[in-house]
Amino acid sequence: MKLRRLQRALLPVYLIVCCTILPLRSFFESASSHTSSPPRRLVLVLDGVPYKTIADLRAEGRFRYFQEPARMISTFPSLTNPAMIEILQTEDSPGYEDHYYDRSRNRLLGNVQTRLQGGRFIHGTFRETFDYHAPAFKGAFAYVAAPFGAIALAQFDLSAFRSAFNKSKSSIFIGYIGETDTLAHLGGERALKSFLRTLDRTIEEFIAESKRGGGRLEVEMFSDHGNHYTEYRQVKLNDAIKQAGFITEKSLKSPQSVVLPKYGLVGSSMLFTAVENRSRLAEICAAVEGVDFAVYKSGDDVVELLSRRGHARMVREGDKYKYDDLGGDPLGLQDVIGAMKDSRVMDENGFASREDWWKATQPHRYVDPLRRLFEGFEKHVRNRADVIVSYEDGYQLGSPFLSIFARLRATHGNLLRGETEAFAMSTRQSLGGAVRGYELHRLFALDQRSKTESYFSDGGHCQLGKLLAMSVVRMHSIADCGLRIAD
């Protein structure tokens, strides 16, 4: 009897305890599961967005979920293929650009048709790293009714990326938006900033949607090179080469042959010739209006730099570099060298480590120049140039076909700050003031991700790609023929 009374008395207490503990248990289990599950990560690659543009937008209050952007110092030449390969650490590209000289076959390869047929353009290249990459043929439309074609395509690219990301279940998603570079080229800073403001709103929506679903999204973004906004003039490099007795052609047929691939409208050129021609060819190029300097390798560990300002020699010993001013200080590094000597990071022979050169030149107009000049001849591409020419800001040389359709408002490719400085920023970590491309692979943990899906197809992305390729190639051939006749 007493036991029953005790049970009846304890029953309400038991029920109260259960009603209290069970919801609490459920709450803590839910919190624990949210805490233990890793956040989803989005890594977004924006082709050709300069650091300055992102810094300006940050000053407006844009990209507020991100920590301060860092300057991302691109490769030399500051072009997409070598820059992306340095960052993603994939296999070397056949050429500096997609139209390139193949030494083993002694001919130019990669044309507009190759680009428009997406299977050949994407597969087997660094582009396979991306979960989202726009159809290759779309880039051709950007030059139709520029800059409005570029503006429209950038919005289509963003819409397609957004759809791909929302469909994906991957824990780490890497997307590539290439139309930002085209937008900078054809629309200039105003058009690019307008697009980036729309992108900012898209990222904020992604983060908000993730929170509503009980998850967490971390976002990291970077670009591969900068773009310098100004009016551009074409460099008369071909004329100077021909006047000196060389012959520009599509293969090396004679001792006087020079191959000069022209693809985009960019701030550098890569030349191929016989080894014995390097010095003379660099001297000729360096004297042309609009050329900042020309460089070539005179030995395994020696790079010669020629400019209208003077001559310098870069020497490497292991992990150390020396800048030997042979007259005129063409890179303007004497003040930097004086400071390095004062701080005792440079030895009595003028050598300093790559890290010390990196730190000392970050404020300079040529950031980290010695390492980048050497690597321009040694890394990221299989068919490496004999002479590389870097143009002054405001000068470019490239595809005659593209120049027919568009007025160039910005470009990249040279060693100077504006065309070199990309950006990198993250919602989850601070990157400091400046980073090098190869450091992003570790900082953004790109090696920790196994790709599970792709949002591009194998066969040119659609039949329109093939048809457009054929028509554009015909136009390209006509343009080339006309220019040869004019020459």
Protein backbone atom coordinates (compact mmCIF):
# COMPACT_ATOMS: atom_id res chain seq x y z
CA MET A 1 0.00 0.00 0.00
CA LYS A 2 2.74 2.34 0.99
CA LEU A 3 4.65 1.38 -2.18
CA ARG A 4 1.65 2.32 -4.37
CA ARG A 5 1.28 5.66 -2.68
CA LEU A 6 5.01 6.29 -3.19
CA GLN A 7 4.74 5.37 -6.89
CA ARG A 8 1.74 7.70 -7.37
CA ALA A 9 3.64 10.48 -5.64
CA LEU A 10 6.79 9.97 -7.73
CA LEU A 11 4.96 9.66 -11.05
CA PRO A 12 4.38 13.41 -11.56
CA VAL A 13 8.00 14.09 -10.64
CA TYR A 14 9.13 11.44 -13.11
CA LEU A 15 6.99 12.91 -15.88
CA ILE A 16 8.26 16.43 -15.18
CA VAL A 17 11.87 15.23 -15.29
CA CYS A 18 11.28 13.33 -18.56
CA CYS A 19 9.53 16.28 -20.16
CA THR A 20 12.45 18.46 -19.19
CA ILE A 21 15.35 16.17 -20.02
CA LEU A 22 14.18 14.73 -23.34
CA PRO A 23 13.85 18.10 -25.12
CA LEU A 24 17.19 19.15 -23.64
CA ARG A 25 18.76 15.93 -24.86
CA SER A 26 17.33 16.47 -28.31
CA PHE A 27 18.61 20.05 -28.30
CA PHE A 28 22.12 19.05 -27.29
CA GLU A 29 22.21 16.19 -29.81
CA SER A 30 21.13 18.60 -32.52
CA ALA A 31 23.71 21.17 -31.48
CA SER A 32 26.34 18.46 -31.30
CA SER A 33 25.53 17.22 -34.80
CA HIS A 34 25.71 20.76 -36.19
CA THR A 35 28.98 21.38 -34.44
CA SER A 36 30.60 18.14 -35.49
CA SER A 37 29.54 18.27 -39.15
CA PRO A 38 32.09 20.16 -41.23
CA PRO A 39 30.99 23.31 -43.06
CA ARG A 40 30.48 23.30 -46.77
CA ARG A 41 33.12 25.21 -48.74
CA LEU A 42 32.84 27.23 -51.94
CA VAL A 43 36.03 28.24 -53.72
CA LEU A 44 35.25 30.72 -56.48
CA VAL A 45 37.82 31.63 -59.13
CA LEU A 46 37.29 34.95 -60.90
CA ASP A 47 39.44 35.39 -63.98
CA GLY A 48 41.29 38.69 -64.26
CA VAL A 49 39.81 40.65 -61.33
CA PRO A 50 42.41 43.16 -60.04
CA TYR A 51 43.15 43.62 -56.36
CA LYS A 52 42.38 47.35 -56.59
CA THR A 53 38.85 46.66 -57.86
CA ILE A 54 38.08 44.36 -54.94
CA ALA A 55 39.65 46.84 -52.47
CA ASP A 56 37.41 49.62 -53.84
CA LEU A 57 34.31 47.46 -53.43
CA ARG A 58 35.31 46.54 -49.89
CA ALA A 59 35.51 50.27 -49.13
CA GLU A 60 31.88 50.50 -50.33
CA GLY A 61 30.90 47.84 -47.78
CA ARG A 62 30.73 44.97 -50.26
CA PHE A 63 31.90 41.41 -49.50
CA ARG A 64 31.34 42.10 -45.80
CA TYR A 65 31.49 38.42 -44.78
CA PHE A 66 35.10 38.21 -45.99
CA GLN A 67 38.23 39.12 -44.15
CA GLU A 68 40.56 41.71 -45.71
CA PRO A 69 41.66 40.77 -49.23
CA ALA A 70 45.30 40.01 -49.91
CA ARG A 71 47.26 40.92 -53.01
CA MET A 72 47.77 37.75 -55.01
CA ILE A 73 50.97 38.11 -57.04
CA SER A 74 50.60 36.37 -60.37
CA THR A 75 53.18 34.63 -62.51
CA PHE A 76 55.23 36.24 -65.24
CA PRO A 77 53.87 36.47 -67.83
CA SER A 78 50.70 37.34 -65.91
CA LEU A 79 48.43 35.11 -68.00
CA THR A 80 45.73 32.61 -67.10
CA ASN A 81 47.43 29.34 -68.09
CA PRO A 82 50.66 29.68 -66.08
CA ALA A 83 48.90 31.43 -63.20
CA MET A 84 46.21 28.77 -62.80
CA ILE A 85 48.73 25.96 -63.03
CA GLU A 86 50.85 27.56 -60.30
CA ILE A 87 47.78 27.88 -58.05
CA LEU A 88 46.09 24.56 -58.80
CA GLN A 89 49.38 22.64 -59.16
CA THR A 90 48.21 20.67 -62.15
CA GLU A 91 50.31 19.46 -65.07
CA ASP A 92 52.12 22.08 -67.14
CA SER A 93 50.17 23.68 -69.97
CA PRO A 94 51.43 23.12 -73.53
CA GLY A 95 51.79 26.90 -73.95
CA TYR A 96 51.56 30.24 -72.20
CA GLU A 97 48.21 30.70 -73.91
CA ASP A 98 45.89 28.37 -75.79
CA HIS A 99 47.42 29.37 -79.12
CA TYR A 100 51.02 28.27 -78.78
CA TYR A 101 54.15 27.08 -80.54
CA ASP A 102 54.88 23.36 -80.18
CA ARG A 103 58.62 22.77 -80.38
CA SER A 104 58.45 19.03 -81.06
CA ARG A 105 56.05 19.48 -83.99
CA ASN A 106 57.57 22.82 -85.06
CA ARG A 107 54.24 24.48 -85.65
CA LEU A 108 51.59 26.69 -84.07
CA LEU A 109 48.76 24.81 -82.41
CA GLY A 110 45.51 25.76 -80.70
CA ASN A 111 43.13 28.03 -82.57
CA VAL A 112 39.70 29.54 -82.16
CA GLN A 113 38.03 26.30 -83.23
CA THR A 114 39.88 24.38 -80.50
CA ARG A 115 38.59 26.80 -77.90
CA LEU A 116 35.03 26.62 -79.11
CA GLN A 117 35.01 22.82 -79.14
CA GLY A 118 34.81 22.49 -75.38
CA GLY A 119 35.98 18.87 -75.09
CA ARG A 120 39.43 19.71 -76.44
CA PHE A 121 39.56 23.07 -74.63
CA ILE A 122 38.71 21.73 -71.17
CA HIS A 123 39.57 18.06 -70.89
CA GLY A 124 43.15 17.22 -70.12
CA THR A 125 43.81 20.78 -68.87
CA PHE A 126 43.73 22.58 -65.51
CA ARG A 127 40.09 23.42 -66.27
CA GLU A 128 39.09 19.89 -65.29
CA THR A 129 39.77 20.91 -61.69
CA PHE A 130 36.65 23.06 -61.65
CA ASP A 131 33.20 21.77 -60.71
CA TYR A 132 31.72 24.58 -62.80
CA HIS A 133 33.21 26.07 -65.97
CA ALA A 134 31.14 27.96 -68.54
CA PRO A 135 30.81 26.47 -72.02
CA ALA A 136 33.89 27.42 -73.99
CA PHE A 137 32.02 28.84 -76.99
CA LYS A 138 30.33 31.54 -74.92
CA GLY A 139 33.51 33.62 -74.77
CA ALA A 140 33.27 34.26 -78.51
CA PHE A 141 29.91 35.99 -78.12
CA ALA A 142 31.41 38.54 -75.72
CA TYR A 143 33.09 40.27 -78.65
CA VAL A 144 29.78 40.67 -80.49
CA ALA A 145 28.42 44.17 -79.85
CA ALA A 146 31.03 44.74 -77.15
CA PRO A 147 30.80 45.68 -74.34
CA PHE A 148 27.10 44.73 -74.16
CA GLY A 149 27.80 41.18 -75.26
CA ALA A 150 30.35 40.80 -72.47
CA ILE A 151 27.96 42.25 -69.88
CA ALA A 152 25.16 39.90 -70.89
CA LEU A 153 27.42 36.84 -70.95
CA ALA A 154 28.81 37.63 -67.51
CA GLN A 155 25.27 37.57 -66.12
CA PHE A 156 24.53 34.28 -67.90
CA ASP A 157 27.76 32.84 -66.50
CA LEU A 158 26.79 33.86 -62.97
CA SER A 159 23.30 32.41 -63.35
CA ALA A 160 24.67 29.09 -64.63
CA PHE A 161 27.22 28.97 -61.80
CA ARG A 162 24.52 29.62 -59.23
CA SER A 163 22.38 26.83 -60.62
CA ALA A 164 25.34 24.41 -60.65
CA PHE A 165 26.25 25.21 -57.05
CA ASN A 166 22.68 24.77 -55.82
CA LYS A 167 22.39 21.39 -57.56
CA SER A 168 25.72 20.13 -56.25
CA LYS A 169 25.99 18.07 -53.07
CA SER A 170 29.80 18.31 -52.96
CA SER A 171 31.29 19.42 -49.64
CA ILE A 172 33.90 21.48 -51.51
CA PHE A 173 32.75 23.14 -54.73
CA ILE A 174 35.20 24.96 -57.01
CA GLY A 175 33.62 27.28 -59.54
CA TYR A 176 35.29 29.31 -62.29
CA ILE A 177 33.81 32.46 -63.79
CA GLY A 178 35.87 33.45 -66.80
CA GLU A 179 33.71 36.27 -68.12
CA THR A 180 35.08 38.65 -65.48
CA ASP A 181 38.30 38.90 -67.48
CA THR A 182 36.44 39.53 -70.72
CA LEU A 183 34.30 42.10 -68.93
CA ALA A 184 37.42 43.95 -67.74
CA HIS A 185 38.90 43.84 -71.25
CA LEU A 186 35.80 45.09 -73.04
CA GLY A 187 33.70 46.88 -70.42
CA GLY A 188 36.35 48.38 -68.16
CA GLU A 189 36.26 48.97 -64.42
CA ARG A 190 32.71 50.32 -64.21
CA ALA A 191 31.17 47.27 -65.88
CA LEU A 192 33.29 44.85 -63.85
CA LYS A 193 32.36 46.51 -60.54
CA SER A 194 28.67 46.37 -61.43
CA PHE A 195 28.93 42.64 -62.03
CA LEU A 196 30.88 42.06 -58.82
CA ARG A 197 28.18 43.83 -56.80
CA THR A 198 25.68 41.31 -58.18
CA LEU A 199 28.08 38.50 -57.28
CA ASP A 200 28.34 39.88 -53.74
CA ARG A 201 24.55 39.65 -53.34
CA THR A 202 24.62 36.09 -54.69
CA ILE A 203 27.25 35.02 -52.15
CA GLU A 204 25.28 36.62 -49.31
CA GLU A 205 22.22 34.65 -50.42
CA PHE A 206 24.25 31.41 -50.48
CA ILE A 207 25.43 32.05 -46.91
CA ALA A 208 21.91 32.94 -45.70
CA GLU A 209 20.39 29.83 -47.34
CA SER A 210 23.02 27.64 -45.69
CA LYS A 211 22.22 29.12 -42.26
CA ARG A 212 18.49 28.61 -42.75
CA GLY A 213 19.19 24.95 -43.48
CA GLY A 214 21.17 24.57 -40.26
CA GLY A 215 24.53 24.45 -42.01
CA ARG A 216 27.48 26.73 -42.48
CA LEU A 217 29.09 27.87 -45.72
CA GLU A 218 32.69 29.06 -45.97
CA VAL A 219 33.61 31.00 -49.09
CA GLU A 220 37.02 31.69 -50.56
CA MET A 221 37.70 33.66 -53.72
CA PHE A 222 40.73 34.50 -55.81
CA SER A 223 41.71 35.71 -59.25
CA ASP A 224 44.62 34.58 -61.40
CA HIS A 225 46.03 37.94 -62.50
CA GLY A 226 45.19 41.61 -62.52
CA ASN A 227 44.02 43.97 -65.26
CA HIS A 228 45.26 47.51 -65.80
CA TYR A 229 42.55 49.96 -66.87
CA THR A 230 43.69 52.44 -69.50
CA GLU A 231 43.61 53.16 -73.23
CA TYR A 232 45.77 50.76 -75.25
CA ARG A 233 47.94 51.03 -78.33
CA GLN A 234 49.33 48.18 -80.42
CA VAL A 235 53.09 47.62 -80.29
CA LYS A 236 54.80 47.51 -83.72
CA LEU A 237 56.94 44.53 -82.81
CA ASN A 238 56.60 42.66 -86.09
CA ASP A 239 57.87 45.65 -88.07
CA ALA A 240 61.01 45.95 -85.96
CA ILE A 241 61.74 42.23 -86.17
CA LYS A 242 61.38 42.21 -89.96
CA GLN A 243 63.48 45.34 -90.40
CA ALA A 244 66.29 43.61 -88.49
CA GLY A 245 66.35 40.77 -91.02
CA PHE A 246 64.30 38.18 -89.17
CA ILE A 247 61.25 36.46 -90.62
CA THR A 248 58.09 36.00 -88.53
CA GLU A 249 56.39 32.77 -89.53
CA LYS A 250 54.44 29.82 -88.14
CA SER A 251 57.40 27.46 -87.83
CA LEU A 252 61.19 27.68 -87.58
CA LYS A 253 62.18 27.11 -91.19
CA SER A 254 65.51 28.95 -91.34
CA PRO A 255 68.16 30.53 -89.08
CA GLN A 256 66.26 33.85 -89.40
CA SER A 257 62.86 32.42 -88.39
CA VAL A 258 60.93 33.82 -85.43
CA VAL A 259 57.59 32.44 -84.24
CA LEU A 260 55.42 34.99 -82.44
CA PRO A 261 52.09 33.48 -81.29
CA LYS A 262 49.24 35.99 -81.03
CA TYR A 263 46.15 34.96 -79.12
CA GLY A 264 44.50 37.47 -76.80
CA LEU A 265 45.13 41.20 -76.57
CA VAL A 266 47.71 41.13 -73.79
CA GLY A 267 50.70 42.94 -72.27
CA SER A 268 53.44 40.44 -73.11
CA SER A 269 54.69 38.31 -75.99
CA MET A 270 56.63 35.07 -76.15
CA LEU A 271 59.03 34.58 -79.03
CA PHE A 272 60.66 31.39 -80.35
CA THR A 273 63.82 31.30 -82.42
CA ALA A 274 67.24 29.67 -82.68
CA VAL A 275 69.29 29.83 -79.47
CA GLU A 276 71.98 31.93 -81.13
CA ASN A 277 69.38 34.60 -81.99
CA ARG A 278 68.19 35.23 -78.43
CA SER A 279 70.50 38.11 -77.55
CA ARG A 280 70.01 39.97 -80.84
CA LEU A 281 66.25 39.41 -80.89
CA ALA A 282 65.87 40.67 -77.31
CA GLU A 283 67.92 43.76 -78.16
CA ILE A 284 65.68 44.53 -81.15
CA CYS A 285 62.48 44.06 -79.17
CA ALA A 286 63.70 46.13 -76.22
CA ALA A 287 64.19 49.16 -78.45
CA VAL A 288 60.59 49.23 -79.75
CA GLU A 289 58.20 51.91 -78.49
CA GLY A 290 55.87 50.48 -75.87
CA VAL A 291 58.24 47.71 -74.79
CA ASP A 292 59.19 47.83 -71.12
CA PHE A 293 61.90 45.18 -71.42
CA ALA A 294 62.86 41.91 -73.10
CA VAL A 295 64.41 38.95 -71.27
CA TYR A 296 66.16 35.75 -72.26
CA LYS A 297 68.26 33.07 -70.57
CA SER A 298 71.98 33.20 -71.30
CA GLY A 299 72.68 30.22 -69.00
CA ASP A 300 70.93 27.75 -66.74
CA ASP A 301 71.05 30.22 -63.84
CA VAL A 302 71.31 33.54 -65.67
CA VAL A 303 68.57 35.77 -67.12
CA GLU A 304 69.49 38.86 -69.16
CA LEU A 305 67.14 41.85 -69.15
CA LEU A 306 67.38 44.52 -71.85
CA SER A 307 65.49 47.80 -71.85
CA ARG A 308 65.77 51.28 -73.33
CA ARG A 309 66.65 52.23 -69.75
CA GLY A 310 69.59 49.86 -69.51
CA HIS A 311 70.78 46.29 -68.99
CA ALA A 312 70.58 44.01 -65.95
CA ARG A 313 71.58 40.43 -65.27
CA MET A 314 69.76 38.16 -62.80
CA VAL A 315 71.85 35.34 -61.36
CA ARG A 316 70.66 32.41 -59.25
CA GLU A 317 72.62 30.28 -56.79
CA GLY A 318 70.40 27.62 -55.27
CA ASP A 319 67.60 29.48 -53.51
CA LYS A 320 69.33 32.85 -53.71
CA TYR A 321 69.14 35.56 -56.36
CA LYS A 322 71.32 38.48 -57.41
CA TYR A 323 70.39 41.56 -59.44
CA ASP A 324 73.46 42.80 -61.29
CA ASP A 325 72.92 46.30 -62.68
CA LEU A 326 75.02 46.57 -65.86
CA GLY A 327 73.90 50.13 -66.53
CA GLY A 328 70.70 52.12 -66.15
CA ASP A 329 69.09 49.98 -63.42
CA PRO A 330 66.19 49.02 -65.72
CA LEU A 331 64.05 47.53 -62.93
CA GLY A 332 64.77 50.38 -60.51
CA LEU A 333 65.95 48.09 -57.71
CA GLN A 334 68.99 49.96 -56.39
CA ASP A 335 67.10 51.52 -53.47
CA VAL A 336 65.68 48.10 -52.58
CA ILE A 337 69.16 46.58 -52.71
CA GLY A 338 70.51 49.35 -50.47
CA ALA A 339 67.83 48.63 -47.88
CA MET A 340 68.52 44.89 -48.06
CA LYS A 341 72.22 45.50 -47.47
CA ASP A 342 71.45 47.78 -44.53
CA SER A 343 69.27 45.09 -42.97
CA ARG A 344 71.98 42.49 -43.64
CA VAL A 345 69.78 40.10 -45.59
CA MET A 346 72.02 40.45 -48.66
CA ASP A 347 75.50 38.95 -48.62
CA GLU A 348 78.73 40.59 -49.75
CA ASN A 349 78.30 39.15 -53.27
CA GLY A 350 74.84 40.67 -53.73
CA PHE A 351 72.81 37.48 -53.20
CA ALA A 352 69.67 37.27 -51.06
CA SER A 353 67.14 34.50 -50.51
CA ARG A 354 63.92 34.34 -52.50
CA GLU A 355 61.97 35.05 -49.29
CA ASP A 356 63.99 38.20 -48.61
CA TRP A 357 63.52 39.40 -52.19
CA TRP A 358 59.78 38.70 -51.81
CA LYS A 359 59.49 40.76 -48.65
CA ALA A 360 61.68 43.61 -49.90
CA THR A 361 59.89 44.10 -53.23
CA GLN A 362 56.24 43.90 -52.13
CA PRO A 363 55.81 47.71 -52.24
CA HIS A 364 57.78 47.98 -55.52
CA ARG A 365 56.27 48.46 -58.98
CA TYR A 366 57.84 45.10 -59.90
CA VAL A 367 56.82 42.68 -57.13
CA ASP A 368 59.08 39.64 -56.59
CA PRO A 369 60.65 40.17 -60.02
CA LEU A 370 63.68 37.87 -59.96
CA ARG A 371 61.88 34.65 -59.05
CA ARG A 372 59.06 35.40 -61.49
CA LEU A 373 61.41 36.17 -64.38
CA PHE A 374 63.26 32.88 -63.93
CA GLU A 375 60.05 30.90 -63.60
CA GLY A 376 58.72 32.45 -66.81
CA PHE A 377 61.31 30.32 -68.59
CA GLU A 378 61.23 27.27 -66.34
CA LYS A 379 57.76 26.47 -64.96
CA HIS A 380 54.08 26.01 -65.75
CA VAL A 381 54.42 25.50 -69.54
CA ARG A 382 56.05 22.76 -71.59
CA ASN A 383 56.96 24.82 -74.66
CA ARG A 384 59.07 27.59 -73.15
CA ALA A 385 59.99 30.79 -74.94
CA ASP A 386 63.44 31.91 -76.07
CA VAL A 387 62.62 35.59 -75.49
CA ILE A 388 59.80 37.11 -73.44
CA VAL A 389 58.77 40.73 -74.02
CA SER A 390 56.95 42.73 -71.34
CA TYR A 391 55.09 45.83 -72.51
CA GLU A 392 54.59 49.13 -70.76
CA ASP A 393 51.16 49.88 -69.33
CA GLY A 394 48.98 51.14 -72.16
CA TYR A 395 50.54 48.89 -74.81
CA GLN A 396 49.55 45.44 -76.03
CA LEU A 397 50.06 42.97 -78.84
CA GLY A 398 47.77 40.12 -79.72
CA SER A 399 45.18 38.64 -81.99
CA PRO A 400 44.44 40.82 -85.06
CA PHE A 401 41.09 39.02 -85.25
CA LEU A 402 39.96 40.19 -81.81
CA SER A 403 41.20 43.73 -82.37
CA ILE A 404 38.74 44.09 -85.26
CA PHE A 405 35.75 43.69 -82.95
CA ALA A 406 36.64 45.44 -79.73
CA ARG A 407 38.11 48.50 -78.12
CA LEU A 408 40.43 47.31 -75.36
CA ARG A 409 39.83 48.95 -71.97
CA ALA A 410 42.12 46.81 -69.79
CA THR A 411 44.61 43.99 -70.11
CA HIS A 412 47.25 41.91 -68.34
CA GLY A 413 50.43 39.99 -69.09
CA ASN A 414 53.32 42.27 -68.12
CA LEU A 415 55.46 42.38 -64.96
CA LEU A 416 54.08 45.67 -63.63
CA ARG A 417 51.81 45.92 -60.60
CA GLY A 418 48.48 46.72 -62.27
CA GLU A 419 48.52 43.74 -64.63
CA THR A 420 50.12 41.46 -62.04
CA GLU A 421 48.11 42.05 -58.87
CA ALA A 422 45.17 39.72 -58.44
CA PHE A 423 43.36 39.19 -55.14
CA ALA A 424 42.54 36.44 -52.66
CA MET A 425 40.16 36.54 -49.69
CA SER A 426 38.30 34.20 -47.38
CA THR A 427 35.44 34.17 -44.92
CA ARG A 428 37.28 31.72 -42.64
CA GLN A 429 40.87 33.00 -42.47
CA SER A 430 43.11 36.03 -42.85
CA LEU A 431 45.65 35.78 -45.67
CA GLY A 432 47.86 38.71 -44.70
CA GLY A 433 48.91 41.51 -47.02
CA ALA A 434 50.15 39.49 -50.00
CA VAL A 435 50.37 35.88 -51.16
CA ARG A 436 51.99 34.04 -54.04
CA GLY A 437 49.98 31.79 -56.30
CA TYR A 438 51.54 28.53 -55.17
CA GLU A 439 50.67 29.37 -51.54
CA LEU A 440 46.93 29.44 -52.31
CA HIS A 441 46.92 25.72 -53.00
CA ARG A 442 47.75 25.08 -49.34
CA LEU A 443 45.87 28.02 -47.81
CA PHE A 444 42.62 27.11 -49.57
CA ALA A 445 43.20 23.36 -49.03
CA LEU A 446 42.64 22.61 -52.71
CA ASP A 447 44.44 19.28 -52.30
CA GLN A 448 41.90 18.06 -49.72
CA ARG A 449 39.07 17.85 -52.16
CA SER A 450 38.03 14.95 -54.36
CA LYS A 451 36.05 16.06 -57.37
CA THR A 452 32.76 14.23 -57.83
CA GLU A 453 30.93 16.16 -60.54
CA SER A 454 31.37 18.59 -63.39
CA TYR A 455 29.03 21.10 -64.96
CA PHE A 456 30.35 21.09 -68.49
CA SER A 457 29.93 18.56 -71.24
CA ASP A 458 32.25 16.58 -73.48
CA GLY A 459 31.31 17.51 -76.99
CA GLY A 460 31.54 21.24 -77.40
CA HIS A 461 28.70 21.89 -74.92
CA CYS A 462 26.12 22.18 -77.68
CA GLN A 463 25.90 21.89 -81.44
CA LEU A 464 25.98 25.67 -81.69
CA GLY A 465 29.58 25.54 -80.43
CA LYS A 466 30.70 23.54 -83.47
CA LEU A 467 28.80 25.69 -85.95
CA LEU A 468 30.08 28.89 -84.38
CA ALA A 469 33.61 27.51 -84.38
CA MET A 470 33.52 26.87 -88.11
CA SER A 471 32.23 30.35 -88.93
CA VAL A 472 34.65 32.09 -86.59
CA VAL A 473 37.64 30.16 -87.95
CA ARG A 474 36.72 31.27 -91.47
CA MET A 475 36.57 34.90 -90.30
CA HIS A 476 39.87 34.45 -88.43
CA SER A 477 41.57 33.14 -91.58
CA ILE A 478 40.26 36.05 -93.62
CA ALA A 479 41.51 38.54 -91.01
CA ASP A 480 44.96 36.91 -90.95
CA CYS A 481 45.14 36.92 -94.72
CA GLY A 482 44.23 40.59 -94.88
CA LEU A 483 46.85 41.50 -92.32
CA ARG A 484 49.56 39.54 -94.16
CA ILE A 485 48.70 41.42 -97.34
CA ALA A 486 48.85 44.73 -95.43
CA ASP A 487 52.29 43.80 -94.04
